[in-house]
């Protein structure tokens, strides 16, 4: 019983690893082709496609990799779902962090200076905080969270998101600005 559980777990991990390899390769290729840039819905769609393809491929794998057909079916469904959860973490820790990193902007400004150092005032002028703000404003408009007519306004979708974040802030006792 224990050895079959171990074999089933290894087969599950192989499916999970295949998901990651397929996603990372697909992400690199689509980014190189200019089909995805930064983090947006296209990256999420790519992850969903990879999970779906992996689910189908693993479903078609020989069933003798697993101790039974039910285990095979469960692994074929559960591994892609597990990948999607971890993929969300990867996106937040990887591309989103790089895309939004004020620290990265500061370190780059310092590294690009002639002396590898700047006064605080010079650093503030070289780090484009307004670029980060404007980028986020464009994303919020594209996602339907804000509208820009005479003034910036929160949409119904934005109000739902705000209510969710206020609840989460209360639950996790996080102060936000």
N, C-alpha and C. Protein backbone atom coordinates (compact mmCIF):
# COMPACT_ATOMS: atom_id res chain seq x y z
N UNK A 1 0.83 -1.20 0.00
CA UNK A 1 0.00 0.00 0.00
C UNK A 1 0.87 1.26 0.00
N UNK A 2 1.91 1.29 0.84
CA UNK A 2 2.77 2.47 0.94
C UNK A 2 3.54 2.70 -0.34
N UNK A 3 4.04 1.63 -0.96
CA UNK A 3 4.80 1.81 -2.20
C UNK A 3 3.91 2.29 -3.32
N UNK A 4 2.65 1.83 -3.39
CA UNK A 4 1.74 2.31 -4.44
C UNK A 4 1.38 3.78 -4.21
N UNK A 5 1.27 4.17 -2.96
CA UNK A 5 1.01 5.58 -2.65
C UNK A 5 2.19 6.44 -3.09
N UNK A 6 3.38 5.96 -2.84
CA UNK A 6 4.58 6.70 -3.24
C UNK A 6 4.67 6.81 -4.76
N UNK A 7 4.37 5.72 -5.46
CA UNK A 7 4.39 5.74 -6.94
C UNK A 7 3.32 6.70 -7.46
N UNK A 8 2.12 6.66 -6.88
CA UNK A 8 1.05 7.58 -7.28
C UNK A 8 1.46 9.03 -7.06
N UNK A 9 2.11 9.27 -5.93
CA UNK A 9 2.54 10.64 -5.61
C UNK A 9 3.61 11.11 -6.60
N UNK A 10 4.55 10.25 -6.93
CA UNK A 10 5.59 10.60 -7.90
C UNK A 10 4.96 10.88 -9.27
N UNK A 11 4.00 10.09 -9.68
CA UNK A 11 3.32 10.32 -10.96
C UNK A 11 2.57 11.65 -10.93
N UNK A 12 1.93 11.96 -9.82
CA UNK A 12 1.26 13.26 -9.65
C UNK A 12 2.27 14.39 -9.79
N UNK A 13 3.42 14.25 -9.11
CA UNK A 13 4.46 15.28 -9.18
C UNK A 13 5.00 15.44 -10.60
N UNK A 14 5.08 14.36 -11.35
CA UNK A 14 5.53 14.44 -12.73
C UNK A 14 4.54 15.25 -13.58
N UNK A 15 3.27 15.03 -13.36
CA UNK A 15 2.25 15.82 -14.07
C UNK A 15 2.37 17.29 -13.68
N UNK A 16 2.51 17.54 -12.39
CA UNK A 16 2.65 18.90 -11.88
C UNK A 16 3.89 19.57 -12.48
N UNK A 17 5.01 18.84 -12.50
CA UNK A 17 6.25 19.38 -13.06
C UNK A 17 6.11 19.63 -14.56
N UNK A 18 5.42 18.75 -15.27
CA UNK A 18 5.18 18.96 -16.69
C UNK A 18 4.41 20.25 -16.92
N UNK A 19 3.43 20.51 -16.07
CA UNK A 19 2.67 21.78 -16.14
C UNK A 19 3.63 22.96 -16.06
N UNK A 20 4.51 22.93 -15.08
CA UNK A 20 5.44 24.04 -14.88
C UNK A 20 6.39 24.20 -16.06
N UNK A 21 6.94 23.11 -16.53
CA UNK A 21 7.86 23.18 -17.66
C UNK A 21 7.16 23.73 -18.90
N UNK A 22 5.95 23.24 -19.16
CA UNK A 22 5.18 23.72 -20.31
C UNK A 22 4.84 25.20 -20.16
N UNK A 23 4.47 25.61 -18.95
CA UNK A 23 4.13 27.02 -18.72
C UNK A 23 5.35 27.91 -18.88
N UNK A 24 6.45 27.55 -18.23
CA UNK A 24 7.64 28.39 -18.30
C UNK A 24 8.15 28.51 -19.73
N UNK A 25 8.14 27.42 -20.46
CA UNK A 25 8.56 27.46 -21.86
C UNK A 25 7.58 28.30 -22.69
N UNK A 26 6.30 28.10 -22.47
CA UNK A 26 5.28 28.87 -23.21
C UNK A 26 5.36 30.35 -22.88
N UNK A 27 5.58 30.65 -21.61
CA UNK A 27 5.69 32.05 -21.18
C UNK A 27 6.90 32.71 -21.84
N UNK A 28 8.02 32.01 -21.84
CA UNK A 28 9.23 32.56 -22.45
C UNK A 28 9.05 32.77 -23.96
N UNK A 29 8.46 31.80 -24.63
CA UNK A 29 8.26 31.90 -26.08
C UNK A 29 7.27 33.01 -26.42
N UNK A 30 6.14 33.06 -25.72
CA UNK A 30 5.14 34.09 -26.03
C UNK A 30 5.65 35.48 -25.68
N UNK A 31 6.47 35.59 -24.65
CA UNK A 31 7.08 36.89 -24.33
C UNK A 31 8.08 37.29 -25.41
N UNK A 32 8.88 36.34 -25.87
CA UNK A 32 9.86 36.64 -26.92
C UNK A 32 9.17 37.04 -28.22
N UNK A 33 8.01 36.46 -28.49
CA UNK A 33 7.25 36.80 -29.69
C UNK A 33 6.42 38.08 -29.53
N UNK A 34 6.42 38.64 -28.31
CA UNK A 34 5.66 39.86 -28.06
C UNK A 34 4.17 39.62 -27.85
N UNK A 35 3.78 38.37 -27.63
CA UNK A 35 2.37 38.07 -27.42
C UNK A 35 1.92 38.36 -25.99
N UNK A 36 2.86 38.30 -25.05
CA UNK A 36 2.59 38.68 -23.67
C UNK A 36 3.70 39.62 -23.22
N UNK A 37 3.33 40.55 -22.38
CA UNK A 37 4.32 41.48 -21.80
C UNK A 37 3.82 41.85 -20.42
N UNK A 38 4.70 41.81 -19.47
CA UNK A 38 4.28 42.16 -18.12
C UNK A 38 3.31 41.11 -17.59
N UNK A 39 2.34 41.57 -16.84
CA UNK A 39 1.35 40.69 -16.26
C UNK A 39 -0.02 41.22 -16.61
N UNK A 40 -0.77 40.43 -17.34
CA UNK A 40 -2.13 40.81 -17.68
C UNK A 40 -2.95 39.54 -17.89
N UNK A 41 -4.13 39.71 -18.45
CA UNK A 41 -5.02 38.57 -18.64
C UNK A 41 -4.43 37.51 -19.55
N UNK A 42 -3.60 37.93 -20.48
CA UNK A 42 -3.02 36.96 -21.41
C UNK A 42 -2.14 35.95 -20.69
N UNK A 43 -1.44 36.36 -19.64
CA UNK A 43 -0.62 35.43 -18.86
C UNK A 43 -1.52 34.45 -18.11
N UNK A 44 -2.61 34.96 -17.58
CA UNK A 44 -3.57 34.09 -16.88
C UNK A 44 -4.18 33.10 -17.86
N UNK A 45 -4.56 33.58 -19.05
CA UNK A 45 -5.11 32.69 -20.08
C UNK A 45 -4.08 31.64 -20.47
N UNK A 46 -2.84 32.04 -20.61
CA UNK A 46 -1.77 31.10 -20.92
C UNK A 46 -1.69 30.01 -19.85
N UNK A 47 -1.75 30.39 -18.58
CA UNK A 47 -1.71 29.40 -17.49
C UNK A 47 -2.91 28.46 -17.56
N UNK A 48 -4.09 28.99 -17.88
CA UNK A 48 -5.28 28.15 -18.00
C UNK A 48 -5.15 27.17 -19.17
N UNK A 49 -4.61 27.65 -20.29
CA UNK A 49 -4.41 26.77 -21.45
C UNK A 49 -3.44 25.65 -21.10
N UNK A 50 -2.34 26.01 -20.45
CA UNK A 50 -1.34 25.01 -20.06
C UNK A 50 -1.96 23.99 -19.11
N UNK A 51 -2.74 24.45 -18.15
CA UNK A 51 -3.39 23.52 -17.22
C UNK A 51 -4.33 22.59 -17.97
N UNK A 52 -5.09 23.14 -18.91
CA UNK A 52 -6.00 22.31 -19.69
C UNK A 52 -5.28 21.29 -20.55
N UNK A 53 -4.24 21.72 -21.23
CA UNK A 53 -3.44 20.81 -22.07
C UNK A 53 -2.82 19.72 -21.21
N UNK A 54 -2.29 20.11 -20.07
CA UNK A 54 -1.67 19.12 -19.18
C UNK A 54 -2.69 18.13 -18.67
N UNK A 55 -3.88 18.62 -18.33
CA UNK A 55 -4.94 17.71 -17.88
C UNK A 55 -5.28 16.68 -18.94
N UNK A 56 -5.40 17.13 -20.19
CA UNK A 56 -5.72 16.21 -21.29
C UNK A 56 -4.57 15.23 -21.52
N UNK A 57 -3.34 15.77 -21.58
CA UNK A 57 -2.17 14.90 -21.81
C UNK A 57 -2.06 13.85 -20.69
N UNK A 58 -2.22 14.28 -19.44
CA UNK A 58 -2.09 13.33 -18.34
C UNK A 58 -3.23 12.32 -18.33
N UNK A 59 -4.39 12.73 -18.80
CA UNK A 59 -5.53 11.81 -18.89
C UNK A 59 -5.22 10.71 -19.90
N UNK A 60 -4.49 11.09 -20.97
CA UNK A 60 -4.16 10.13 -22.03
C UNK A 60 -2.94 9.27 -21.70
N UNK A 61 -2.25 9.59 -20.61
CA UNK A 61 -1.09 8.79 -20.20
C UNK A 61 -1.52 7.35 -19.91
N UNK A 62 -0.58 6.46 -20.00
CA UNK A 62 -0.92 5.08 -19.64
C UNK A 62 -1.38 5.01 -18.18
N UNK A 63 -2.48 4.36 -17.98
CA UNK A 63 -3.04 4.24 -16.63
C UNK A 63 -2.20 3.39 -15.71
N UNK A 64 -1.27 2.62 -16.26
CA UNK A 64 -0.46 1.76 -15.39
C UNK A 64 0.60 2.54 -14.61
N UNK A 65 0.68 3.85 -14.83
CA UNK A 65 1.55 4.69 -13.99
C UNK A 65 0.98 4.79 -12.58
N UNK A 66 -0.30 4.54 -12.46
CA UNK A 66 -1.02 4.74 -11.20
C UNK A 66 -1.55 3.41 -10.66
N UNK A 67 -1.89 3.43 -9.38
CA UNK A 67 -2.38 2.21 -8.75
C UNK A 67 -3.80 1.86 -9.16
N UNK A 68 -4.52 2.79 -9.75
CA UNK A 68 -5.89 2.51 -10.19
C UNK A 68 -6.40 3.62 -11.09
N UNK A 69 -7.53 3.37 -11.73
CA UNK A 69 -8.08 4.36 -12.66
C UNK A 69 -8.59 5.60 -11.93
N UNK A 70 -9.12 5.41 -10.73
CA UNK A 70 -9.60 6.57 -9.97
C UNK A 70 -8.44 7.48 -9.58
N UNK A 71 -7.33 6.91 -9.20
CA UNK A 71 -6.15 7.70 -8.83
C UNK A 71 -5.62 8.42 -10.06
N UNK A 72 -5.61 7.74 -11.20
CA UNK A 72 -5.18 8.34 -12.46
C UNK A 72 -6.06 9.54 -12.80
N UNK A 73 -7.37 9.36 -12.70
CA UNK A 73 -8.31 10.45 -13.00
C UNK A 73 -8.13 11.61 -12.03
N UNK A 74 -7.99 11.30 -10.75
CA UNK A 74 -7.81 12.35 -9.75
C UNK A 74 -6.52 13.13 -9.98
N UNK A 75 -5.43 12.44 -10.25
CA UNK A 75 -4.16 13.12 -10.50
C UNK A 75 -4.22 13.97 -11.76
N UNK A 76 -4.93 13.48 -12.79
CA UNK A 76 -5.05 14.22 -14.04
C UNK A 76 -5.83 15.52 -13.85
N UNK A 77 -6.71 15.55 -12.89
CA UNK A 77 -7.47 16.78 -12.59
C UNK A 77 -6.80 17.63 -11.52
N UNK A 78 -6.29 16.98 -10.49
CA UNK A 78 -5.76 17.73 -9.34
C UNK A 78 -4.42 18.40 -9.64
N UNK A 79 -3.55 17.76 -10.39
CA UNK A 79 -2.23 18.36 -10.67
C UNK A 79 -2.36 19.68 -11.42
N UNK A 80 -3.18 19.77 -12.49
CA UNK A 80 -3.34 21.07 -13.16
C UNK A 80 -3.96 22.14 -12.25
N UNK A 81 -4.89 21.76 -11.39
CA UNK A 81 -5.47 22.73 -10.45
C UNK A 81 -4.42 23.19 -9.45
N UNK A 82 -3.61 22.26 -8.95
CA UNK A 82 -2.54 22.64 -8.03
C UNK A 82 -1.56 23.58 -8.72
N UNK A 83 -1.25 23.28 -10.00
CA UNK A 83 -0.38 24.16 -10.77
C UNK A 83 -0.96 25.57 -10.83
N UNK A 84 -2.26 25.71 -11.08
CA UNK A 84 -2.86 27.05 -11.19
C UNK A 84 -2.70 27.82 -9.88
N UNK A 85 -2.86 27.16 -8.75
CA UNK A 85 -2.67 27.84 -7.47
C UNK A 85 -1.23 28.31 -7.29
N UNK A 86 -0.30 27.43 -7.56
CA UNK A 86 1.10 27.82 -7.43
C UNK A 86 1.51 28.82 -8.51
N UNK A 87 0.87 28.75 -9.66
CA UNK A 87 1.17 29.70 -10.73
C UNK A 87 0.77 31.12 -10.30
N UNK A 88 -0.34 31.23 -9.57
CA UNK A 88 -0.73 32.54 -9.03
C UNK A 88 0.34 33.09 -8.11
N UNK A 89 0.90 32.25 -7.28
CA UNK A 89 1.99 32.68 -6.39
C UNK A 89 3.20 33.07 -7.21
N UNK A 90 3.54 32.27 -8.22
CA UNK A 90 4.68 32.58 -9.08
C UNK A 90 4.50 33.96 -9.74
N UNK A 91 3.31 34.21 -10.27
CA UNK A 91 3.06 35.48 -10.95
C UNK A 91 3.20 36.65 -9.98
N UNK A 92 2.69 36.48 -8.76
CA UNK A 92 2.79 37.57 -7.77
C UNK A 92 4.22 37.78 -7.30
N UNK A 93 4.95 36.70 -7.10
CA UNK A 93 6.31 36.82 -6.59
C UNK A 93 7.30 37.18 -7.70
N UNK A 94 7.05 36.71 -8.90
CA UNK A 94 7.96 36.95 -10.01
C UNK A 94 7.62 38.19 -10.81
N UNK A 95 6.88 38.03 -11.89
CA UNK A 95 6.62 39.15 -12.80
C UNK A 95 5.97 40.37 -12.16
N UNK A 96 5.01 40.19 -11.27
CA UNK A 96 4.36 41.35 -10.65
C UNK A 96 5.34 42.13 -9.79
N UNK A 97 6.17 41.42 -9.03
CA UNK A 97 7.15 42.09 -8.18
C UNK A 97 8.13 42.90 -9.01
N UNK A 98 8.61 42.31 -10.09
CA UNK A 98 9.56 43.03 -10.95
C UNK A 98 8.87 44.22 -11.60
N UNK A 99 7.63 44.01 -12.08
CA UNK A 99 6.89 45.05 -12.78
C UNK A 99 6.58 46.24 -11.87
N UNK A 100 6.33 46.00 -10.59
CA UNK A 100 5.89 47.05 -9.69
C UNK A 100 6.96 47.51 -8.69
N UNK A 101 8.14 47.00 -8.81
CA UNK A 101 9.14 47.18 -7.77
C UNK A 101 9.74 48.59 -7.75
N UNK A 102 9.41 49.33 -6.72
CA UNK A 102 10.04 50.62 -6.48
C UNK A 102 11.50 50.39 -6.08
N UNK A 103 11.73 49.33 -5.32
CA UNK A 103 13.10 49.00 -4.92
C UNK A 103 13.96 48.75 -6.15
N UNK A 104 13.46 48.00 -7.12
CA UNK A 104 14.21 47.74 -8.34
C UNK A 104 14.51 49.04 -9.08
N UNK A 105 13.54 49.94 -9.13
CA UNK A 105 13.76 51.25 -9.78
C UNK A 105 14.84 52.04 -9.06
N UNK A 106 14.83 52.00 -7.73
CA UNK A 106 15.83 52.73 -6.95
C UNK A 106 17.23 52.14 -7.16
N UNK A 107 17.32 50.82 -7.08
CA UNK A 107 18.62 50.16 -7.26
C UNK A 107 19.16 50.38 -8.67
N UNK A 108 18.29 50.35 -9.66
CA UNK A 108 18.72 50.60 -11.04
C UNK A 108 19.23 52.02 -11.20
N UNK A 109 18.53 52.99 -10.62
CA UNK A 109 18.97 54.39 -10.70
C UNK A 109 20.34 54.55 -10.04
N UNK A 110 20.55 53.92 -8.91
CA UNK A 110 21.84 54.00 -8.24
C UNK A 110 22.94 53.30 -9.05
N UNK A 111 22.64 52.13 -9.59
CA UNK A 111 23.63 51.39 -10.36
C UNK A 111 24.01 52.13 -11.65
N UNK A 112 23.07 52.87 -12.22
CA UNK A 112 23.33 53.58 -13.48
C UNK A 112 24.01 54.94 -13.28
N UNK A 113 24.14 55.36 -12.04
CA UNK A 113 24.82 56.64 -11.80
C UNK A 113 26.34 56.44 -11.94
N UNK A 114 27.03 57.50 -12.25
CA UNK A 114 28.48 57.41 -12.47
C UNK A 114 29.23 56.91 -11.24
N UNK A 115 28.80 57.35 -10.05
CA UNK A 115 29.51 57.00 -8.83
C UNK A 115 28.87 55.82 -8.09
N UNK A 116 27.80 55.28 -8.67
CA UNK A 116 27.01 54.20 -8.04
C UNK A 116 26.35 54.68 -6.75
N UNK A 117 26.18 56.00 -6.64
CA UNK A 117 25.52 56.60 -5.50
C UNK A 117 24.90 57.93 -5.91
N UNK A 118 23.87 58.33 -5.21
CA UNK A 118 23.17 59.59 -5.49
C UNK A 118 22.73 60.20 -4.16
N UNK A 119 22.57 61.51 -4.16
CA UNK A 119 21.96 62.13 -2.99
C UNK A 119 20.50 61.72 -2.96
N UNK A 120 19.89 61.86 -1.83
CA UNK A 120 18.48 61.49 -1.69
C UNK A 120 17.61 62.28 -2.68
N UNK A 121 17.90 63.57 -2.85
CA UNK A 121 17.12 64.41 -3.77
C UNK A 121 17.30 63.94 -5.21
N UNK A 122 18.55 63.62 -5.60
CA UNK A 122 18.79 63.12 -6.96
C UNK A 122 18.10 61.77 -7.19
N UNK A 123 18.13 60.93 -6.18
CA UNK A 123 17.47 59.64 -6.30
C UNK A 123 15.98 59.83 -6.52
N UNK A 124 15.37 60.75 -5.78
CA UNK A 124 13.94 61.00 -5.93
C UNK A 124 13.59 61.51 -7.33
N UNK A 125 14.48 62.27 -7.94
CA UNK A 125 14.20 62.76 -9.29
C UNK A 125 14.40 61.68 -10.35
N UNK A 126 15.24 60.70 -10.07
CA UNK A 126 15.52 59.65 -11.06
C UNK A 126 14.59 58.45 -10.97
N UNK A 127 13.91 58.29 -9.87
CA UNK A 127 13.00 57.15 -9.73
C UNK A 127 11.61 57.61 -10.16
N UNK A 128 11.07 57.00 -11.19
CA UNK A 128 9.81 57.46 -11.77
C UNK A 128 8.57 56.94 -11.04
N UNK A 129 8.33 57.47 -9.86
CA UNK A 129 7.15 57.03 -9.12
C UNK A 129 5.88 57.31 -9.91
N UNK A 130 5.86 58.44 -10.64
CA UNK A 130 4.68 58.77 -11.43
C UNK A 130 4.47 57.75 -12.54
N UNK A 131 5.53 57.14 -13.06
CA UNK A 131 5.39 56.11 -14.09
C UNK A 131 4.66 54.90 -13.52
N UNK A 132 5.01 54.52 -12.32
CA UNK A 132 4.37 53.39 -11.67
C UNK A 132 2.90 53.71 -11.41
N UNK A 133 2.63 54.92 -10.94
CA UNK A 133 1.26 55.36 -10.68
C UNK A 133 0.45 55.38 -11.97
N UNK A 134 0.99 55.98 -13.01
CA UNK A 134 0.28 56.08 -14.29
C UNK A 134 0.04 54.72 -14.92
N UNK A 135 1.00 53.84 -14.79
CA UNK A 135 0.84 52.48 -15.31
C UNK A 135 -0.33 51.79 -14.62
N UNK A 136 -0.39 51.94 -13.32
CA UNK A 136 -1.48 51.32 -12.57
C UNK A 136 -2.82 51.96 -12.95
N UNK A 137 -2.85 53.25 -13.16
CA UNK A 137 -4.10 53.93 -13.57
C UNK A 137 -4.59 53.37 -14.90
N UNK A 138 -3.70 53.19 -15.86
CA UNK A 138 -4.09 52.62 -17.17
C UNK A 138 -4.65 51.21 -17.00
N UNK A 139 -4.01 50.42 -16.16
CA UNK A 139 -4.47 49.05 -15.93
C UNK A 139 -5.85 49.03 -15.27
N UNK A 140 -6.07 49.93 -14.33
CA UNK A 140 -7.37 50.00 -13.66
C UNK A 140 -8.46 50.43 -14.62
N UNK A 141 -8.13 51.31 -15.54
CA UNK A 141 -9.11 51.72 -16.54
C UNK A 141 -9.40 50.56 -17.50
N UNK A 142 -8.36 49.90 -17.99
CA UNK A 142 -8.54 48.77 -18.91
C UNK A 142 -9.34 47.64 -18.29
N UNK A 143 -9.16 47.42 -17.00
CA UNK A 143 -9.85 46.33 -16.33
C UNK A 143 -11.28 46.69 -15.95
N UNK A 144 -11.66 47.95 -16.15
CA UNK A 144 -13.03 48.35 -15.83
C UNK A 144 -13.23 48.68 -14.36
N UNK A 145 -12.17 48.94 -13.65
CA UNK A 145 -12.25 49.27 -12.22
C UNK A 145 -12.47 50.76 -12.01
N UNK A 146 -11.88 51.58 -12.89
CA UNK A 146 -12.04 53.03 -12.85
C UNK A 146 -12.49 53.53 -14.22
N UNK A 147 -13.13 54.69 -14.22
CA UNK A 147 -13.44 55.37 -15.49
C UNK A 147 -12.84 56.76 -15.42
N UNK A 148 -12.51 57.29 -16.59
CA UNK A 148 -11.93 58.62 -16.70
C UNK A 148 -12.81 59.41 -17.67
N UNK A 149 -13.63 60.29 -17.15
CA UNK A 149 -14.40 61.17 -18.02
C UNK A 149 -13.99 62.58 -17.64
N UNK A 150 -14.78 63.25 -16.81
CA UNK A 150 -14.38 64.56 -16.29
C UNK A 150 -13.45 64.40 -15.09
N UNK A 151 -13.65 63.30 -14.39
CA UNK A 151 -12.82 63.00 -13.23
C UNK A 151 -12.70 61.48 -13.11
N UNK A 152 -11.78 61.05 -12.30
CA UNK A 152 -11.60 59.60 -12.10
C UNK A 152 -12.70 59.13 -11.17
N UNK A 153 -13.41 58.06 -11.59
CA UNK A 153 -14.49 57.51 -10.77
C UNK A 153 -14.36 56.00 -10.68
N UNK A 154 -14.84 55.48 -9.55
CA UNK A 154 -14.84 54.04 -9.32
C UNK A 154 -16.09 53.46 -9.98
N UNK A 155 -15.91 52.37 -10.73
CA UNK A 155 -17.03 51.69 -11.37
C UNK A 155 -17.68 50.75 -10.36
N UNK A 156 -18.79 50.10 -10.77
CA UNK A 156 -19.42 49.11 -9.90
C UNK A 156 -18.45 47.96 -9.62
N UNK A 157 -17.71 47.57 -10.65
CA UNK A 157 -16.71 46.52 -10.45
C UNK A 157 -15.67 46.98 -9.43
N UNK A 158 -15.22 48.22 -9.52
CA UNK A 158 -14.26 48.77 -8.57
C UNK A 158 -14.81 48.79 -7.16
N UNK A 159 -16.10 49.10 -7.03
CA UNK A 159 -16.71 49.11 -5.69
C UNK A 159 -16.74 47.71 -5.09
N UNK A 160 -17.02 46.71 -5.93
CA UNK A 160 -16.99 45.31 -5.43
C UNK A 160 -15.58 44.93 -4.97
N UNK A 161 -14.60 45.30 -5.76
CA UNK A 161 -13.21 45.01 -5.40
C UNK A 161 -12.83 45.72 -4.10
N UNK A 162 -13.23 46.97 -3.97
CA UNK A 162 -12.94 47.73 -2.76
C UNK A 162 -13.56 47.06 -1.54
N UNK A 163 -14.83 46.66 -1.65
CA UNK A 163 -15.48 45.99 -0.52
C UNK A 163 -14.73 44.72 -0.13
N UNK A 164 -14.29 43.96 -1.13
CA UNK A 164 -13.53 42.74 -0.85
C UNK A 164 -12.24 43.07 -0.11
N UNK A 165 -11.49 44.05 -0.59
CA UNK A 165 -10.22 44.39 0.05
C UNK A 165 -10.42 44.98 1.45
N UNK A 166 -11.48 45.73 1.66
CA UNK A 166 -11.75 46.26 2.99
C UNK A 166 -12.03 45.10 3.95
N UNK A 167 -12.82 44.12 3.48
CA UNK A 167 -13.08 42.93 4.32
C UNK A 167 -11.78 42.17 4.62
N UNK A 168 -10.96 41.97 3.58
CA UNK A 168 -9.70 41.27 3.79
C UNK A 168 -8.79 42.03 4.75
N UNK A 169 -8.77 43.34 4.63
CA UNK A 169 -7.94 44.15 5.53
C UNK A 169 -8.39 43.98 6.98
N UNK A 170 -9.70 43.93 7.18
CA UNK A 170 -10.22 43.72 8.54
C UNK A 170 -9.86 42.33 9.06
N UNK A 171 -10.06 41.33 8.22
CA UNK A 171 -9.78 39.95 8.62
C UNK A 171 -8.31 39.79 9.00
N UNK A 172 -7.42 40.33 8.15
CA UNK A 172 -5.99 40.15 8.37
C UNK A 172 -5.35 41.28 9.17
N UNK A 173 -6.19 42.22 9.64
CA UNK A 173 -5.72 43.35 10.44
C UNK A 173 -4.58 44.10 9.77
N UNK A 174 -4.82 44.45 8.50
CA UNK A 174 -3.84 45.19 7.70
C UNK A 174 -4.33 46.61 7.53
N UNK A 175 -3.45 47.56 7.80
CA UNK A 175 -3.78 48.95 7.55
C UNK A 175 -3.34 49.29 6.14
N UNK A 176 -4.25 49.89 5.39
CA UNK A 176 -3.87 50.32 4.06
C UNK A 176 -4.15 51.80 3.95
N UNK A 177 -3.52 52.43 2.99
CA UNK A 177 -3.65 53.89 2.87
C UNK A 177 -4.81 54.25 1.99
